[in-house]
Amino acid sequence: MKIRKHLSASGLYCRIGERFSQIKDHRAGNAVIAFKDSLMAGFAMFSLKDSSLLVFDKRRQTDGNLKRVYGIDEVKVESIVHPEEEFEKG
């Protein structure tokens, strides 16, 4: 039986990352985070179905699998106050 690595979730995520790497980055030259990492973070958040950016950011900080499974080297989430933070405090 022949095993097809590209049909596994990790194989598909790797292929998506490869395709994202081919997209030209039109951001300003001082961008800190790699464009591929930004796109993969968006894909990860969508596929994990997190309810908000804040929930995804908390998962990103505590879940080491996010980096391994999605191939994200670095992600930075804006440090603005989210409405959900108000609910968590109050």
C-alpha atoms as a PDB file:
ATOM      1  CA  MET A   1       0.000   0.000   0.000  1.00  0.00           C
ATOM      2  CA  LYS A   2       1.438   3.337  -1.044  1.00  0.00           C
ATOM      3  CA  ILE A   3       1.095   6.118   1.530  1.00  0.00           C
ATOM      4  CA  ARG A   4       0.505   9.581   0.153  1.00  0.00           C
ATOM      5  CA  LYS A   5       2.048  12.145   2.481  1.00  0.00           C
ATOM      6  CA  HIS A   6       0.476  15.074   0.653  1.00  0.00           C
ATOM      7  CA  LEU A   7      -3.019  13.825   1.539  1.00  0.00           C
ATOM      8  CA  SER A   8      -2.465  14.199   5.279  1.00  0.00           C
ATOM      9  CA  ALA A   9      -3.409  17.405   7.094  1.00  0.00           C
ATOM     10  CA  SER A  10       0.227  18.274   7.737  1.00  0.00           C
ATOM     11  CA  GLY A  11       1.059  17.610   4.083  1.00  0.00           C
ATOM     12  CA  LEU A  12      -1.749  19.873   2.925  1.00  0.00           C
ATOM     13  CA  TYR A  13      -0.717  22.615   5.385  1.00  0.00           C
ATOM     14  CA  CYS A  14       2.826  22.355   4.066  1.00  0.00           C
ATOM     15  CA  ARG A  15       1.583  22.761   0.485  1.00  0.00           C
ATOM     16  CA  ILE A  16      -0.511  25.768   1.505  1.00  0.00           C
ATOM     17  CA  GLY A  17       2.579  27.289   3.151  1.00  0.00           C
ATOM     18  CA  GLU A  18       4.582  26.690  -0.035  1.00  0.00           C
ATOM     19  CA  ARG A  19       1.923  28.464  -2.093  1.00  0.00           C
ATOM     20  CA  PHE A  20       1.749  31.342   0.382  1.00  0.00           C
ATOM     21  CA  SER A  21       5.537  31.716   0.071  1.00  0.00           C
ATOM     22  CA  GLN A  22       5.087  32.352  -3.652  1.00  0.00           C
ATOM     23  CA  ILE A  23       2.779  35.341  -3.136  1.00  0.00           C
ATOM     24  CA  LYS A  24       4.542  38.648  -3.621  1.00  0.00           C
ATOM     25  CA  ASP A  25       4.686  40.782  -0.475  1.00  0.00           C
ATOM     26  CA  HIS A  26       3.426  44.291  -1.246  1.00  0.00           C
ATOM     27  CA  ARG A  27       3.730  45.568   2.322  1.00  0.00           C
ATOM     28  CA  ALA A  28       6.102  48.292   3.452  1.00  0.00           C
ATOM     29  CA  GLY A  29       9.778  47.368   3.529  1.00  0.00           C
ATOM     30  CA  ASN A  30       9.887  47.591   7.317  1.00  0.00           C
ATOM     31  CA  ALA A  31       7.489  44.653   7.875  1.00  0.00           C
ATOM     32  CA  VAL A  32       8.786  42.498  10.745  1.00  0.00           C
ATOM     33  CA  ILE A  33       6.708  39.345  10.289  1.00  0.00           C
ATOM     34  CA  ALA A  34       7.181  37.245   7.149  1.00  0.00           C
ATOM     35  CA  PHE A  35       4.222  37.511   4.785  1.00  0.00           C
ATOM     36  CA  LYS A  36       3.898  33.712   4.687  1.00  0.00           C
ATOM     37  CA  ASP A  37       3.630  33.630   8.500  1.00  0.00           C
ATOM     38  CA  SER A  38       0.901  36.277   8.415  1.00  0.00           C
ATOM     39  CA  LEU A  39      -1.053  34.302   5.831  1.00  0.00           C
ATOM     40  CA  MET A  40      -0.548  30.993   7.650  1.00  0.00           C
ATOM     41  CA  ALA A  41      -1.710  32.576  10.921  1.00  0.00           C
ATOM     42  CA  GLY A  42      -4.894  33.711   9.187  1.00  0.00           C
ATOM     43  CA  PHE A  43      -5.382  30.230   7.763  1.00  0.00           C
ATOM     44  CA  ALA A  44      -4.746  28.665  11.191  1.00  0.00           C
ATOM     45  CA  MET A  45      -7.230  30.976  12.887  1.00  0.00           C
ATOM     46  CA  PHE A  46      -9.836  30.202  10.233  1.00  0.00           C
ATOM     47  CA  SER A  47      -9.282  26.439  10.306  1.00  0.00           C
ATOM     48  CA  LEU A  48      -9.248  26.280  14.107  1.00  0.00           C
ATOM     49  CA  LYS A  49     -12.473  28.301  14.177  1.00  0.00           C
ATOM     50  CA  ASP A  50     -11.372  30.524  17.055  1.00  0.00           C
ATOM     51  CA  SER A  51     -14.122  32.925  18.041  1.00  0.00           C
ATOM     52  CA  SER A  52     -11.881  35.987  17.996  1.00  0.00           C
ATOM     53  CA  LEU A  53      -8.384  37.260  17.413  1.00  0.00           C
ATOM     54  CA  LEU A  54      -7.921  37.438  21.184  1.00  0.00           C
ATOM     55  CA  VAL A  55      -8.768  33.738  21.606  1.00  0.00           C
ATOM     56  CA  PHE A  56      -6.387  32.851  18.786  1.00  0.00           C
ATOM     57  CA  ASP A  57      -3.630  34.977  20.339  1.00  0.00           C
ATOM     58  CA  LYS A  58      -4.041  33.191  23.695  1.00  0.00           C
ATOM     59  CA  ARG A  59      -3.888  29.816  21.942  1.00  0.00           C
ATOM     60  CA  ARG A  60      -0.813  30.948  19.994  1.00  0.00           C
ATOM     61  CA  GLN A  61       0.986  31.840  23.223  1.00  0.00           C
ATOM     62  CA  THR A  62       0.264  28.534  24.967  1.00  0.00           C
ATOM     63  CA  ASP A  63      -0.020  25.955  22.182  1.00  0.00           C
ATOM     64  CA  GLY A  64       3.343  24.817  20.804  1.00  0.00           C
ATOM     65  CA  ASN A  65       1.589  22.712  18.171  1.00  0.00           C
ATOM     66  CA  LEU A  66       0.486  25.811  16.307  1.00  0.00           C
ATOM     67  CA  LYS A  67       4.043  26.459  15.202  1.00  0.00           C
ATOM     68  CA  ARG A  68       4.724  22.820  14.383  1.00  0.00           C
ATOM     69  CA  VAL A  69       1.470  21.923  12.627  1.00  0.00           C
ATOM     70  CA  TYR A  70       0.971  25.131  10.646  1.00  0.00           C
ATOM     71  CA  GLY A  71       4.644  25.942  10.070  1.00  0.00           C
ATOM     72  CA  ILE A  72       4.323  29.420  11.526  1.00  0.00           C
ATOM     73  CA  ASP A  73       7.672  30.823  12.596  1.00  0.00           C
ATOM     74  CA  GLU A  74       6.505  34.101  14.111  1.00  0.00           C
ATOM     75  CA  VAL A  75       3.162  35.793  14.616  1.00  0.00           C
ATOM     76  CA  LYS A  76       2.466  39.112  16.247  1.00  0.00           C
ATOM     77  CA  VAL A  77      -1.042  40.165  17.159  1.00  0.00           C
ATOM     78  CA  GLU A  78      -1.847  43.829  17.624  1.00  0.00           C
ATOM     79  CA  SER A  79      -1.743  44.954  21.232  1.00  0.00           C
ATOM     80  CA  ILE A  80      -5.010  46.882  21.189  1.00  0.00           C
ATOM     81  CA  VAL A  81      -7.734  46.482  23.778  1.00  0.00           C
ATOM     82  CA  HIS A  82     -10.362  44.087  22.499  1.00  0.00           C
ATOM     83  CA  PRO A  83     -13.986  44.346  23.702  1.00  0.00           C
ATOM     84  CA  GLU A  84     -13.729  40.763  24.978  1.00  0.00           C
ATOM     85  CA  GLU A  85     -10.995  41.801  27.412  1.00  0.00           C
ATOM     86  CA  GLU A  86     -13.493  44.091  29.083  1.00  0.00           C
ATOM     87  CA  PHE A  87     -15.861  41.160  29.637  1.00  0.00           C
ATOM     88  CA  GLU A  88     -13.084  39.002  31.066  1.00  0.00           C
ATOM     89  CA  LYS A  89     -12.088  41.687  33.572  1.00  0.00           C
ATOM     90  CA  GLY A  90     -15.567  42.619  34.666  1.00  0.00           C
END
